PDB file of N, CA and C in Angstrom:
ATOM      1  N   MET A   1      75.783  77.254 119.675  1.00  0.00           N
ATOM      2  CA  MET A   1      76.922  76.598 119.154  1.00  0.00           C
ATOM      3  C   MET A   1      77.519  77.510 118.085  1.00  0.00           C
ATOM      4  N   VAL A   2      76.353  78.488 117.361  1.00  0.00           N
ATOM      5  CA  VAL A   2      77.145  79.176 116.019  1.00  0.00           C
ATOM      6  C   VAL A   2      78.029  80.227 116.636  1.00  0.00           C
ATOM      7  N   GLY A   3      77.476  81.037 118.371  1.00  0.00           N
ATOM      8  CA  GLY A   3      78.180  81.878 119.013  1.00  0.00           C
ATOM      9  C   GLY A   3      79.977  81.432 119.389  1.00  0.00           C
ATOM     10  N   GLY A   4      79.918  80.188 119.649  1.00  0.00           N
ATOM     11  CA  GLY A   4      81.050  79.615 119.805  1.00  0.00           C
ATOM     12  C   GLY A   4      82.053  79.810 118.847  1.00  0.00           C
ATOM     13  N   LEU A   5      81.298  79.290 117.595  1.00  0.00           N
ATOM     14  CA  LEU A   5      82.221  79.242 116.287  1.00  0.00           C
ATOM     15  C   LEU A   5      82.588  80.464 115.907  1.00  0.00           C
ATOM     16  N   GLN A   6      81.384  81.435 116.227  1.00  0.00           N
ATOM     17  CA  GLN A   6      82.168  83.017 115.937  1.00  0.00           C
ATOM     18  C   GLN A   6      82.976  83.356 116.699  1.00  0.00           C
ATOM     19  N   PHE A   7      83.339  83.111 118.074  1.00  0.00           N
ATOM     20  CA  PHE A   7      84.268  83.260 119.058  1.00  0.00           C
ATOM     21  C   PHE A   7      85.816  82.679 118.701  1.00  0.00           C
ATOM     22  N   VAL A   8      85.335  81.673 118.423  1.00  0.00           N
ATOM     23  CA  VAL A   8      86.634  80.587 117.509  1.00  0.00           C
ATOM     24  C   VAL A   8      87.409  81.884 116.953  1.00  0.00           C
ATOM     25  N   ALA A   9      86.541  81.979 115.672  1.00  0.00           N
ATOM     26  CA  ALA A   9      86.638  82.883 114.475  1.00  0.00           C
ATOM     27  C   ALA A   9      87.158  84.307 115.037  1.00  0.00           C
ATOM     28  N   LEU A  10      86.876  84.952 116.041  1.00  0.00           N
ATOM     29  CA  LEU A  10      87.106  86.115 116.063  1.00  0.00           C
ATOM     30  C   LEU A  10      88.336  85.851 117.136  1.00  0.00           C
ATOM     31  N   ARG A  11      88.877  84.952 117.397  1.00  0.00           N
ATOM     32  CA  ARG A  11      90.061  84.686 118.444  1.00  0.00           C
ATOM     33  C   ARG A  11      91.219  84.842 117.735  1.00  0.00           C
ATOM     34  N   LYS A  12      90.685  83.950 116.275  1.00  0.00           N
ATOM     35  CA  LYS A  12      92.027  83.813 115.529  1.00  0.00           C
ATOM     36  C   LYS A  12      92.227  85.008 114.792  1.00  0.00           C
ATOM     37  N   GLU A  13      91.114  85.594 114.361  1.00  0.00           N
ATOM     38  CA  GLU A  13      91.590  86.752 113.952  1.00  0.00           C
ATOM     39  C   GLU A  13      92.174  88.067 114.689  1.00  0.00           C
ATOM     40  N   LEU A  14      91.987  88.090 115.799  1.00  0.00           N
ATOM     41  CA  LEU A  14      92.540  89.483 116.719  1.00  0.00           C
ATOM     42  C   LEU A  14      93.653  88.427 117.534  1.00  0.00           C
ATOM     43  N   VAL A  15      93.673  87.665 117.962  1.00  0.00           N
ATOM     44  CA  VAL A  15      95.055  87.070 118.891  1.00  0.00           C
ATOM     45  C   VAL A  15      95.865  86.054 118.004  1.00  0.00           C
ATOM     46  N   ASP A  16      95.205  85.588 116.914  1.00  0.00           N
ATOM     47  CA  ASP A  16      96.440  84.665 116.458  1.00  0.00           C
ATOM     48  C   ASP A  16      97.414  85.394 115.400  1.00  0.00           C
ATOM     49  N   SER A  17      96.530  86.667 115.078  1.00  0.00           N
ATOM     50  CA  SER A  17      97.371  87.784 114.100  1.00  0.00           C
ATOM     51  C   SER A  17      98.103  88.859 115.087  1.00  0.00           C
ATOM     52  N   GLY A  18      97.965  88.319 116.387  1.00  0.00           N
ATOM     53  CA  GLY A  18      99.054  89.489 116.909  1.00  0.00           C
ATOM     54  C   GLY A  18      98.616  90.628 117.634  1.00  0.00           C
ATOM     55  N   LYS A  19      97.329  91.214 116.691  1.00  0.00           N
ATOM     56  CA  LYS A  19      96.382  92.345 117.085  1.00  0.00           C
ATOM     57  C   LYS A  19      96.230  92.375 118.686  1.00  0.00           C
ATOM     58  N   MET A  20      95.778  91.713 119.444  1.00  0.00           N
ATOM     59  CA  MET A  20      95.440  91.309 121.179  1.00  0.00           C
ATOM     60  C   MET A  20      96.194  90.333 121.859  1.00  0.00           C
ATOM     61  N   THR A  21      96.400  90.421 122.928  1.00  0.00           N
ATOM     62  CA  THR A  21      96.656  89.523 123.620  1.00  0.00           C
ATOM     63  C   THR A  21      95.749  88.609 123.986  1.00  0.00           C
ATOM     64  N   ASP A  22      95.819  86.914 124.448  1.00  0.00           N
ATOM     65  CA  ASP A  22      94.816  86.639 124.969  1.00  0.00           C
ATOM     66  C   ASP A  22      93.817  87.061 126.237  1.00  0.00           C
ATOM     67  N   LYS A  23      94.801  87.841 126.702  1.00  0.00           N
ATOM     68  CA  LYS A  23      94.129  88.264 128.218  1.00  0.00           C
ATOM     69  C   LYS A  23      93.500  89.496 127.691  1.00  0.00           C
ATOM     70  N   GLN A  24      93.853  90.197 126.926  1.00  0.00           N
ATOM     71  CA  GLN A  24      92.912  91.323 126.163  1.00  0.00           C
ATOM     72  C   GLN A  24      91.641  91.207 125.344  1.00  0.00           C
ATOM     73  N   PHE A  25      91.914  89.793 125.010  1.00  0.00           N
ATOM     74  CA  PHE A  25      90.611  89.472 124.234  1.00  0.00           C
ATOM     75  C   PHE A  25      89.667  89.139 124.842  1.00  0.00           C
ATOM     76  N   HIS A  26      89.987  88.481 125.707  1.00  0.00           N
ATOM     77  CA  HIS A  26      89.317  88.038 127.120  1.00  0.00           C
ATOM     78  C   HIS A  26      88.786  89.027 127.776  1.00  0.00           C
ATOM     79  N   ASP A  27      89.546  89.783 128.092  1.00  0.00           N
ATOM     80  CA  ASP A  27      88.830  90.950 129.070  1.00  0.00           C
ATOM     81  C   ASP A  27      87.744  91.622 128.322  1.00  0.00           C
ATOM     82  N   SER A  28      88.191  91.802 127.336  1.00  0.00           N
ATOM     83  CA  SER A  28      87.027  92.813 126.174  1.00  0.00           C
ATOM     84  C   SER A  28      85.919  91.764 126.147  1.00  0.00           C
ATOM     85  N   ILE A  29      85.637  90.887 125.828  1.00  0.00           N
ATOM     86  CA  ILE A  29      84.560  89.684 125.643  1.00  0.00           C
ATOM     87  C   ILE A  29      83.815  89.684 127.199  1.00  0.00           C
ATOM     88  N   LEU A  30      84.402  89.867 128.166  1.00  0.00           N
ATOM     89  CA  LEU A  30      83.627  89.859 129.388  1.00  0.00           C
ATOM     90  C   LEU A  30      83.134  91.138 129.281  1.00  0.00           C
ATOM     91  N   GLN A  31      83.908  92.481 129.538  1.00  0.00           N
ATOM     92  CA  GLN A  31      83.390  93.653 129.381  1.00  0.00           C
ATOM     93  C   GLN A  31      82.324  94.219 128.376  1.00  0.00           C
ATOM     94  N   LEU A  32      82.219  93.352 127.299  1.00  0.00           N
ATOM     95  CA  LEU A  32      81.290  93.825 126.216  1.00  0.00           C
ATOM     96  C   LEU A  32      79.984  92.685 126.890  1.00  0.00           C
ATOM     97  N   ASN A  33      80.158  91.895 127.252  1.00  0.00           N
ATOM     98  CA  ASN A  33      78.992  90.821 127.649  1.00  0.00           C
ATOM     99  C   ASN A  33      78.097  90.348 126.780  1.00  0.00           C
ATOM    100  N   GLN A  34      76.637  91.274 126.819  1.00  0.00           N
ATOM    101  CA  GLN A  34      75.338  90.692 126.328  1.00  0.00           C
ATOM    102  C   GLN A  34      75.730  91.389 124.877  1.00  0.00           C
ATOM    103  N   LEU A  35      76.349  91.744 124.191  1.00  0.00           N
ATOM    104  CA  LEU A  35      76.413  92.085 122.563  1.00  0.00           C
ATOM    105  C   LEU A  35      76.461  91.083 121.432  1.00  0.00           C
ATOM    106  N   PRO A  36      75.868  91.252 120.649  1.00  0.00           N
ATOM    107  CA  PRO A  36      76.106  90.133 119.365  1.00  0.00           C
ATOM    108  C   PRO A  36      77.364  89.796 118.907  1.00  0.00           C
ATOM    109  N   VAL A  37      77.838  88.676 118.768  1.00  0.00           N
ATOM    110  CA  VAL A  37      79.123  88.597 118.470  1.00  0.00           C
ATOM    111  C   VAL A  37      79.797  89.780 117.472  1.00  0.00           C
ATOM    112  N   GLU A  38      78.700  89.791 116.521  1.00  0.00           N
ATOM    113  CA  GLU A  38      79.368  90.867 115.197  1.00  0.00           C
ATOM    114  C   GLU A  38      79.679  92.272 115.843  1.00  0.00           C
ATOM    115  N   LEU A  39      78.714  92.444 116.629  1.00  0.00           N
ATOM    116  CA  LEU A  39      79.037  94.023 116.928  1.00  0.00           C
ATOM    117  C   LEU A  39      80.270  93.940 118.065  1.00  0.00           C
ATOM    118  N   ILE A  40      80.391  92.894 118.941  1.00  0.00           N
ATOM    119  CA  ILE A  40      81.901  93.113 119.720  1.00  0.00           C
ATOM    120  C   ILE A  40      82.781  92.846 118.933  1.00  0.00           C
ATOM    121  N   ARG A  41      82.796  92.511 117.329  1.00  0.00           N
ATOM    122  CA  ARG A  41      83.894  92.472 116.699  1.00  0.00           C
ATOM    123  C   ARG A  41      84.117  93.620 115.898  1.00  0.00           C
ATOM    124  N   ALA A  42      83.005  94.261 115.679  1.00  0.00           N
ATOM    125  CA  ALA A  42      83.151  95.615 115.219  1.00  0.00           C
ATOM    126  C   ALA A  42      83.891  96.774 116.077  1.00  0.00           C
ATOM    127  N   LEU A  43      83.362  96.449 117.066  1.00  0.00           N
ATOM    128  CA  LEU A  43      84.322  97.325 118.324  1.00  0.00           C
ATOM    129  C   LEU A  43      85.489  96.923 118.561  1.00  0.00           C
ATOM    130  N   LEU A  44      86.015  95.792 118.709  1.00  0.00           N
ATOM    131  CA  LEU A  44      87.175  95.206 118.911  1.00  0.00           C
ATOM    132  C   LEU A  44      88.394  95.783 117.772  1.00  0.00           C
ATOM    133  N   THR A  45      87.600  95.519 116.423  1.00  0.00           N
ATOM    134  CA  THR A  45      88.142  95.905 115.020  1.00  0.00           C
ATOM    135  C   THR A  45      88.158  97.569 114.866  1.00  0.00           C
ATOM    136  N   LYS A  46      87.745  98.348 115.843  1.00  0.00           N
ATOM    137  CA  LYS A  46      87.206  99.546 115.485  1.00  0.00           C
ATOM    138  C   LYS A  46      86.593 100.068 114.381  1.00  0.00           C
ATOM    139  N   GLN A  47      85.740  99.209 113.636  1.00  0.00           N
ATOM    140  CA  GLN A  47      84.687  99.756 112.414  1.00  0.00           C
ATOM    141  C   GLN A  47      83.992 100.840 112.942  1.00  0.00           C
ATOM    142  N   PRO A  48      83.800 101.444 112.117  1.00  0.00           N
ATOM    143  CA  PRO A  48      82.817 102.671 112.271  1.00  0.00           C
ATOM    144  C   PRO A  48      81.253 101.906 112.247  1.00  0.00           C
ATOM    145  N   LEU A  49      80.357 102.451 113.265  1.00  0.00           N
ATOM    146  CA  LEU A  49      79.118 101.849 113.350  1.00  0.00           C
ATOM    147  C   LEU A  49      78.555 102.825 113.038  1.00  0.00           C
ATOM    148  N   GLN A  50      77.450 102.392 111.845  1.00  0.00           N
ATOM    149  CA  GLN A  50      76.174 103.683 111.455  1.00  0.00           C
ATOM    150  C   GLN A  50      74.770 103.164 111.975  1.00  0.00           C
ATOM    151  N   GLN A  51      73.822 103.798 112.127  1.00  0.00           N
ATOM    152  CA  GLN A  51      72.745 104.070 112.687  1.00  0.00           C
ATOM    153  C   GLN A  51      71.869 102.463 112.089  1.00  0.00           C
ATOM    154  N   ASP A  52      72.113 102.261 110.849  1.00  0.00           N
ATOM    155  CA  ASP A  52      71.545 101.104 109.868  1.00  0.00           C
ATOM    156  C   ASP A  52      72.357 100.020 109.849  1.00  0.00           C
ATOM    157  N   PHE A  53      73.444  99.802 110.632  1.00  0.00           N
ATOM    158  CA  PHE A  53      74.696  98.712 110.762  1.00  0.00           C
ATOM    159  C   PHE A  53      73.372  97.261 109.986  1.00  0.00           C
ATOM    160  N   LYS A  54      74.190  96.845 108.684  1.00  0.00           N
ATOM    161  CA  LYS A  54      73.819  95.267 108.679  1.00  0.00           C
ATOM    162  C   LYS A  54      74.818  94.340 109.070  1.00  0.00           C
ATOM    163  N   THR A  55      74.448  92.999 109.525  1.00  0.00           N
ATOM    164  CA  THR A  55      75.014  92.081 109.717  1.00  0.00           C
ATOM    165  C   THR A  55      75.854  91.687 108.213  1.00  0.00           C
ATOM    166  N   SER A  56      77.353  91.383 108.264  1.00  0.00           N
ATOM    167  CA  SER A  56      77.853  91.024 106.937  1.00  0.00           C
ATOM    168  C   SER A  56      78.888  90.145 107.106  1.00  0.00           C
ATOM    169  N   TRP A  57      79.253  89.648 108.135  1.00  0.00           N
ATOM    170  CA  TRP A  57      80.639  89.034 108.461  1.00  0.00           C
ATOM    171  C   TRP A  57      80.425  87.546 108.184  1.00  0.00           C
ATOM    172  N   ARG A  58      81.043  86.871 107.558  1.00  0.00           N
ATOM    173  CA  ARG A  58      81.195  85.315 107.410  1.00  0.00           C
ATOM    174  C   ARG A  58      82.453  85.149 107.707  1.00  0.00           C
ATOM    175  N   PHE A  59      82.335  84.226 109.074  1.00  0.00           N
ATOM    176  CA  PHE A  59      83.170  83.840 110.008  1.00  0.00           C
ATOM    177  C   PHE A  59      83.553  81.886 109.915  1.00  0.00           C
ATOM    178  N   TYR A  60      83.106  81.646 108.365  1.00  0.00           N
ATOM    179  CA  TYR A  60      83.204  80.598 108.249  1.00  0.00           C
ATOM    180  C   TYR A  60      83.312  79.968 106.895  1.00  0.00           C
ATOM    181  N   THR A  61      83.853  78.873 106.219  1.00  0.00           N
ATOM    182  CA  THR A  61      83.973  78.908 104.732  1.00  0.00           C
ATOM    183  C   THR A  61      83.347  77.435 105.014  1.00  0.00           C
ATOM    184  N   ILE A  62      82.901  77.004 103.646  1.00  0.00           N
ATOM    185  CA  ILE A  62      82.215  75.745 103.159  1.00  0.00           C
ATOM    186  C   ILE A  62      83.219  75.349 102.259  1.00  0.00           C
ATOM    187  N   ASN A  63      83.767  73.864 102.814  1.00  0.00           N
ATOM    188  CA  ASN A  63      84.427  73.416 102.175  1.00  0.00           C
ATOM    189  C   ASN A  63      83.555  72.143 101.124  1.00  0.00           C
ATOM    190  N   LYS A  64      83.307  72.333  99.454  1.00  0.00           N
ATOM    191  CA  LYS A  64      82.995  71.132  98.816  1.00  0.00           C
ATOM    192  C   LYS A  64      83.566  70.738  98.386  1.00  0.00           C
TER     193      LYS A  64
END
């Protein structure tokens, strides 16, 4: 379930902003297959990856 929410947020970030097309996004996800979603995001957004990479992406907000 959480992975699905991450992919929805990632699609919104990349496709809805015009950085990628739906086809590019879909093909990239299938090509990167079994990586954690945050690493897929780092690769697709061309973030530099360090050997000691720590997760920090907040893909949701809690409205109180």
